[in-house]
Every structure is written in C-alpha cells, then in structure tokens.
Amino acid sequence: MVMVLLTITILFARPTQANEIEDYLSKHDTVQEKVYTALKILRCNYPNWHDNYERGKFDCSEMSAYVKYCFQNWGIPAAYCQSDALWHCWIEVDTETDKFLIECTQLVIVPQNKWEDNYYKFRDVRYNRYMKPSEVDWWNSEYLQCRPPLPGG
C-alpha cells in the first residue's frame, strides 16, 4: 500500500505526460482499483481542490461534470447525478459487481452507510440529465485554467 501510494505521488506530483494516466490505470484489473487510483491522481494533480469551490462558478455541478469527463476518458463508467431537493450533484460508478458514489467537491468515495440520508433521501435523483453548458462549464474555471490539463481529461 505504501509503495503504491508513493509511486502515485512520484508519478503524478508533476505535470503528467499524455499517456501516463491511461498506461497507469490499465495496470489495474477492477473498476474499484481504477476508481481509487483515478481519485488519487486527481487529488495529486489538483491540490486544494475543495478550497476552490465557488457556488455558481466552480461548484458541485462543474466539479462533478469534470470528474465524470475524466473518468469516462480513462475508461471508468460514470453517471452524473443530480438532486433538486438537495441542490447537489455527484457522480456514480456502477458496474455489475460494484457501485460507488463519488463526492466530487471532496474527491472522495462516499461510504455506503451515508448514501440514503445524504444523497437519496428525497428520491428525486436524476441520472445524466441534460445540463446547460453554463451549469457545468468547468472549462471556464479559473482553478482549472491555471493548471495543465490532465491527459484524457
């Protein structure tokens, strides 16, 4: 575990080359391993991610759209989730054997015992709903613009 984390930190603590992420993720067999690794890559490349939350500019909708975009380009199936009652967005990774909720404002996997009260409470979750570009325009984020783009992201 320590060796893997050290490898990830060394590999992605600097600007990444075009094929490094895809090559690194291809070494993992399960979607679960890819999700954990992809989140570590994002955290290494975007330090202080959560500190850059700004409602209406770079909030849960933009953060979730960006993480979904990266995941899909890295071969991780992801769905954009939105709850109007909670006024919140996140992504869900659902495979035949696993299901993960990703809280994109923190770049963490939500423990399953928190799903019902914190995400599905009002039973109004919509998946991959069309969002206006102005609602998910992570590409206009000042935070992301001052960092090199991630390959495939």
C-alpha atoms as a PDB file:
ATOM      1  CA  MET A   1       0.000   0.000   0.000  1.00  0.00           C
ATOM      2  CA  VAL A   2       2.761   2.431   0.932  1.00  0.00           C
ATOM      3  CA  MET A   3       4.680   1.549  -2.217  1.00  0.00           C
ATOM      4  CA  VAL A   4       1.607   2.115  -4.421  1.00  0.00           C
ATOM      5  CA  LEU A   5       0.846   5.497  -2.823  1.00  0.00           C
ATOM      6  CA  LEU A   6       4.481   6.537  -3.097  1.00  0.00           C
ATOM      7  CA  THR A   7       4.504   5.530  -6.769  1.00  0.00           C
ATOM      8  CA  ILE A   8       1.331   7.512  -7.451  1.00  0.00           C
ATOM      9  CA  THR A   9       2.704  10.568  -5.647  1.00  0.00           C
ATOM     10  CA  ILE A  10       6.006  10.458  -7.518  1.00  0.00           C
ATOM     11  CA  LEU A  11       4.392   9.757 -10.873  1.00  0.00           C
ATOM     12  CA  PHE A  12       1.703  12.413 -10.660  1.00  0.00           C
ATOM     13  CA  ALA A  13       3.212  15.111  -8.439  1.00  0.00           C
ATOM     14  CA  ARG A  14       4.495  16.754 -11.614  1.00  0.00           C
ATOM     15  CA  PRO A  15       2.691  17.621 -14.852  1.00  0.00           C
ATOM     16  CA  THR A  16       1.710  14.330 -16.462  1.00  0.00           C
ATOM     17  CA  GLN A  17       2.705  13.188 -19.915  1.00  0.00           C
ATOM     18  CA  ALA A  18       0.000  12.373 -22.446  1.00  0.00           C
ATOM     19  CA  ASN A  19      -0.165   8.602 -21.980  1.00  0.00           C
ATOM     20  CA  GLU A  20       0.930   8.148 -18.335  1.00  0.00           C
ATOM     21  CA  ILE A  21      -2.549   8.092 -16.793  1.00  0.00           C
ATOM     22  CA  GLU A  22      -4.001   5.673 -19.311  1.00  0.00           C
ATOM     23  CA  ASP A  23      -0.946   3.391 -19.001  1.00  0.00           C
ATOM     24  CA  TYR A  24      -1.046   3.502 -15.222  1.00  0.00           C
ATOM     25  CA  LEU A  25      -4.787   2.809 -14.977  1.00  0.00           C
ATOM     26  CA  SER A  26      -4.565  -0.051 -17.470  1.00  0.00           C
ATOM     27  CA  LYS A  27      -2.453  -1.975 -14.929  1.00  0.00           C
ATOM     28  CA  HIS A  28      -5.463  -2.250 -12.612  1.00  0.00           C
ATOM     29  CA  ASP A  29      -7.879  -5.114 -13.115  1.00  0.00           C
ATOM     30  CA  THR A  30     -11.018  -3.966 -11.332  1.00  0.00           C
ATOM     31  CA  VAL A  31     -13.131  -0.852 -11.655  1.00  0.00           C
ATOM     32  CA  GLN A  32     -12.740  -0.405  -7.894  1.00  0.00           C
ATOM     33  CA  GLU A  33      -8.937  -0.197  -8.213  1.00  0.00           C
ATOM     34  CA  LYS A  34      -9.278   2.212 -11.131  1.00  0.00           C
ATOM     35  CA  VAL A  35     -11.686   4.460  -9.185  1.00  0.00           C
ATOM     36  CA  TYR A  36      -9.376   4.621  -6.146  1.00  0.00           C
ATOM     37  CA  THR A  37      -6.371   5.318  -8.353  1.00  0.00           C
ATOM     38  CA  ALA A  38      -8.165   7.899 -10.505  1.00  0.00           C
ATOM     39  CA  LEU A  39      -9.222   9.829  -7.392  1.00  0.00           C
ATOM     40  CA  LYS A  40      -5.637   9.775  -6.114  1.00  0.00           C
ATOM     41  CA  ILE A  41      -4.417  11.075  -9.474  1.00  0.00           C
ATOM     42  CA  LEU A  42      -6.958  13.901  -9.378  1.00  0.00           C
ATOM     43  CA  ARG A  43      -6.023  14.818  -5.783  1.00  0.00           C
ATOM     44  CA  CYS A  44      -2.300  14.838  -6.651  1.00  0.00           C
ATOM     45  CA  ASN A  45      -2.817  16.989  -9.736  1.00  0.00           C
ATOM     46  CA  TYR A  46      -5.346  19.351  -8.163  1.00  0.00           C
ATOM     47  CA  PRO A  47      -4.177  20.187  -4.642  1.00  0.00           C
ATOM     48  CA  ASN A  48      -6.662  22.189  -2.604  1.00  0.00           C
ATOM     49  CA  TRP A  49      -9.452  21.119  -4.970  1.00  0.00           C
ATOM     50  CA  HIS A  50     -12.162  21.542  -2.329  1.00  0.00           C
ATOM     51  CA  ASP A  51     -10.887  25.007  -1.350  1.00  0.00           C
ATOM     52  CA  ASN A  52     -11.742  26.237  -4.846  1.00  0.00           C
ATOM     53  CA  TYR A  53     -15.452  25.508  -4.529  1.00  0.00           C
ATOM     54  CA  GLU A  54     -17.363  28.630  -5.508  1.00  0.00           C
ATOM     55  CA  ARG A  55     -21.134  28.471  -5.797  1.00  0.00           C
ATOM     56  CA  GLY A  56     -22.320  29.303  -9.290  1.00  0.00           C
ATOM     57  CA  LYS A  57     -18.793  29.282 -10.742  1.00  0.00           C
ATOM     58  CA  PHE A  58     -16.998  26.089  -9.715  1.00  0.00           C
ATOM     59  CA  ASP A  59     -19.430  24.187  -7.529  1.00  0.00           C
ATOM     60  CA  CYS A  60     -20.733  20.625  -7.320  1.00  0.00           C
ATOM     61  CA  SER A  61     -22.159  20.693 -10.851  1.00  0.00           C
ATOM     62  CA  GLU A  62     -18.900  21.772 -12.532  1.00  0.00           C
ATOM     63  CA  MET A  63     -16.767  19.587 -10.265  1.00  0.00           C
ATOM     64  CA  SER A  64     -18.954  16.531 -10.941  1.00  0.00           C
ATOM     65  CA  ALA A  65     -19.020  17.172 -14.675  1.00  0.00           C
ATOM     66  CA  TYR A  66     -15.222  17.422 -14.770  1.00  0.00           C
ATOM     67  CA  VAL A  67     -14.644  14.260 -12.714  1.00  0.00           C
ATOM     68  CA  LYS A  68     -17.162  12.374 -14.892  1.00  0.00           C
ATOM     69  CA  TYR A  69     -15.406  13.640 -18.015  1.00  0.00           C
ATOM     70  CA  CYS A  70     -12.013  12.432 -16.713  1.00  0.00           C
ATOM     71  CA  PHE A  71     -13.391   9.079 -15.554  1.00  0.00           C
ATOM     72  CA  GLN A  72     -15.083   8.368 -18.862  1.00  0.00           C
ATOM     73  CA  ASN A  73     -11.953   9.296 -20.817  1.00  0.00           C
ATOM     74  CA  TRP A  74      -9.955   6.947 -18.578  1.00  0.00           C
ATOM     75  CA  GLY A  75     -12.347   4.034 -19.171  1.00  0.00           C
ATOM     76  CA  ILE A  76     -14.281   4.249 -15.906  1.00  0.00           C
ATOM     77  CA  PRO A  77     -18.081   4.173 -16.397  1.00  0.00           C
ATOM     78  CA  ALA A  78     -19.634   7.134 -14.604  1.00  0.00           C
ATOM     79  CA  ALA A  79     -23.075   8.744 -14.392  1.00  0.00           C
ATOM     80  CA  TYR A  80     -23.774  12.355 -13.474  1.00  0.00           C
ATOM     81  CA  CYS A  81     -26.318  12.511 -10.627  1.00  0.00           C
ATOM     82  CA  GLN A  82     -28.424  15.462  -9.571  1.00  0.00           C
ATOM     83  CA  SER A  83     -30.928  16.036  -6.787  1.00  0.00           C
ATOM     84  CA  ASP A  84     -33.051  19.184  -6.977  1.00  0.00           C
ATOM     85  CA  ALA A  85     -34.258  18.730  -3.392  1.00  0.00           C
ATOM     86  CA  LEU A  86     -30.682  18.578  -2.122  1.00  0.00           C
ATOM     87  CA  TRP A  87     -29.485  21.140  -4.654  1.00  0.00           C
ATOM     88  CA  HIS A  88     -26.455  18.929  -5.190  1.00  0.00           C
ATOM     89  CA  CYS A  89     -24.616  16.907  -7.859  1.00  0.00           C
ATOM     90  CA  TRP A  90     -22.182  13.992  -7.674  1.00  0.00           C
ATOM     91  CA  ILE A  91     -21.185  11.038  -9.826  1.00  0.00           C
ATOM     92  CA  GLU A  92     -21.944   7.367  -9.541  1.00  0.00           C
ATOM     93  CA  VAL A  93     -19.856   4.493 -10.849  1.00  0.00           C
ATOM     94  CA  ASP A  94     -21.992   1.390 -11.281  1.00  0.00           C
ATOM     95  CA  THR A  95     -20.728  -1.931 -12.586  1.00  0.00           C
ATOM     96  CA  GLU A  96     -22.055  -5.477 -12.411  1.00  0.00           C
ATOM     97  CA  THR A  97     -20.287  -6.058  -9.100  1.00  0.00           C
ATOM     98  CA  ASP A  98     -19.658  -2.625  -7.565  1.00  0.00           C
ATOM     99  CA  LYS A  99     -21.344   0.709  -7.056  1.00  0.00           C
ATOM    100  CA  PHE A 100     -19.572   3.854  -5.878  1.00  0.00           C
ATOM    101  CA  LEU A 101     -20.781   7.342  -5.107  1.00  0.00           C
ATOM    102  CA  ILE A 102     -18.128   9.967  -5.654  1.00  0.00           C
ATOM    103  CA  GLU A 103     -18.485  13.252  -3.774  1.00  0.00           C
ATOM    104  CA  CYS A 104     -16.769  15.410  -6.349  1.00  0.00           C
ATOM    105  CA  THR A 105     -16.441  18.504  -4.183  1.00  0.00           C
ATOM    106  CA  GLN A 106     -14.040  16.491  -1.993  1.00  0.00           C
ATOM    107  CA  LEU A 107     -12.808  13.849  -4.487  1.00  0.00           C
ATOM    108  CA  VAL A 108     -13.777  11.016  -2.142  1.00  0.00           C
ATOM    109  CA  ILE A 109     -15.821   7.832  -2.265  1.00  0.00           C
ATOM    110  CA  VAL A 110     -18.900   8.158  -0.058  1.00  0.00           C
ATOM    111  CA  PRO A 111     -19.323   5.277   2.413  1.00  0.00           C
ATOM    112  CA  GLN A 112     -22.424   3.247   1.593  1.00  0.00           C
ATOM    113  CA  ASN A 113     -23.983   3.931   5.023  1.00  0.00           C
ATOM    114  CA  LYS A 114     -24.146   7.656   4.079  1.00  0.00           C
ATOM    115  CA  TRP A 115     -25.980   7.217   0.752  1.00  0.00           C
ATOM    116  CA  GLU A 116     -29.574   7.151   1.967  1.00  0.00           C
ATOM    117  CA  ASP A 117     -29.530  10.146   4.309  1.00  0.00           C
ATOM    118  CA  ASN A 118     -27.156  12.314   2.308  1.00  0.00           C
ATOM    119  CA  TYR A 119     -27.850  11.555  -1.357  1.00  0.00           C
ATOM    120  CA  TYR A 120     -31.035   9.546  -1.960  1.00  0.00           C
ATOM    121  CA  LYS A 121     -33.169  10.929   0.855  1.00  0.00           C
ATOM    122  CA  PHE A 122     -35.741  12.661  -1.353  1.00  0.00           C
ATOM    123  CA  ARG A 123     -35.892  10.026  -4.102  1.00  0.00           C
ATOM    124  CA  ASP A 124     -35.515  12.662  -6.813  1.00  0.00           C
ATOM    125  CA  VAL A 125     -32.102  11.735  -8.233  1.00  0.00           C
ATOM    126  CA  ARG A 126     -31.806  12.179 -11.976  1.00  0.00           C
ATOM    127  CA  TYR A 127     -29.054  10.493 -13.950  1.00  0.00           C
ATOM    128  CA  ASN A 128     -27.173  12.062 -16.856  1.00  0.00           C
ATOM    129  CA  ARG A 129     -29.789  14.792 -17.146  1.00  0.00           C
ATOM    130  CA  TYR A 130     -29.035  17.340 -19.808  1.00  0.00           C
ATOM    131  CA  MET A 131     -27.438  20.374 -18.213  1.00  0.00           C
ATOM    132  CA  LYS A 132     -26.999  23.715 -19.904  1.00  0.00           C
ATOM    133  CA  PRO A 133     -23.334  24.373 -20.716  1.00  0.00           C
ATOM    134  CA  SER A 134     -23.401  27.325 -18.297  1.00  0.00           C
ATOM    135  CA  GLU A 135     -24.341  24.916 -15.472  1.00  0.00           C
ATOM    136  CA  VAL A 136     -21.380  22.597 -15.973  1.00  0.00           C
ATOM    137  CA  ASP A 137     -18.764  24.837 -17.573  1.00  0.00           C
ATOM    138  CA  TRP A 138     -15.736  23.543 -15.695  1.00  0.00           C
ATOM    139  CA  TRP A 139     -13.603  24.570 -18.689  1.00  0.00           C
ATOM    140  CA  ASN A 140     -14.140  28.213 -17.589  1.00  0.00           C
ATOM    141  CA  SER A 141     -12.926  27.584 -14.051  1.00  0.00           C
ATOM    142  CA  GLU A 142     -10.003  29.814 -13.074  1.00  0.00           C
ATOM    143  CA  TYR A 143      -8.706  26.979 -10.912  1.00  0.00           C
ATOM    144  CA  LEU A 144      -8.524  24.516 -13.799  1.00  0.00           C
ATOM    145  CA  GLN A 145      -7.274  27.098 -16.290  1.00  0.00           C
ATOM    146  CA  CYS A 146      -4.105  27.757 -14.310  1.00  0.00           C
ATOM    147  CA  ARG A 147      -3.144  24.057 -14.310  1.00  0.00           C
ATOM    148  CA  PRO A 148      -2.083  21.864 -17.209  1.00  0.00           C
ATOM    149  CA  PRO A 149      -4.963  19.661 -18.373  1.00  0.00           C
ATOM    150  CA  LEU A 150      -4.811  16.006 -17.450  1.00  0.00           C
ATOM    151  CA  PRO A 151      -4.319  13.657 -20.375  1.00  0.00           C
ATOM    152  CA  GLY A 152      -7.674  12.326 -21.453  1.00  0.00           C
ATOM    153  CA  GLY A 153      -9.274  14.816 -19.084  1.00  0.00           C
END
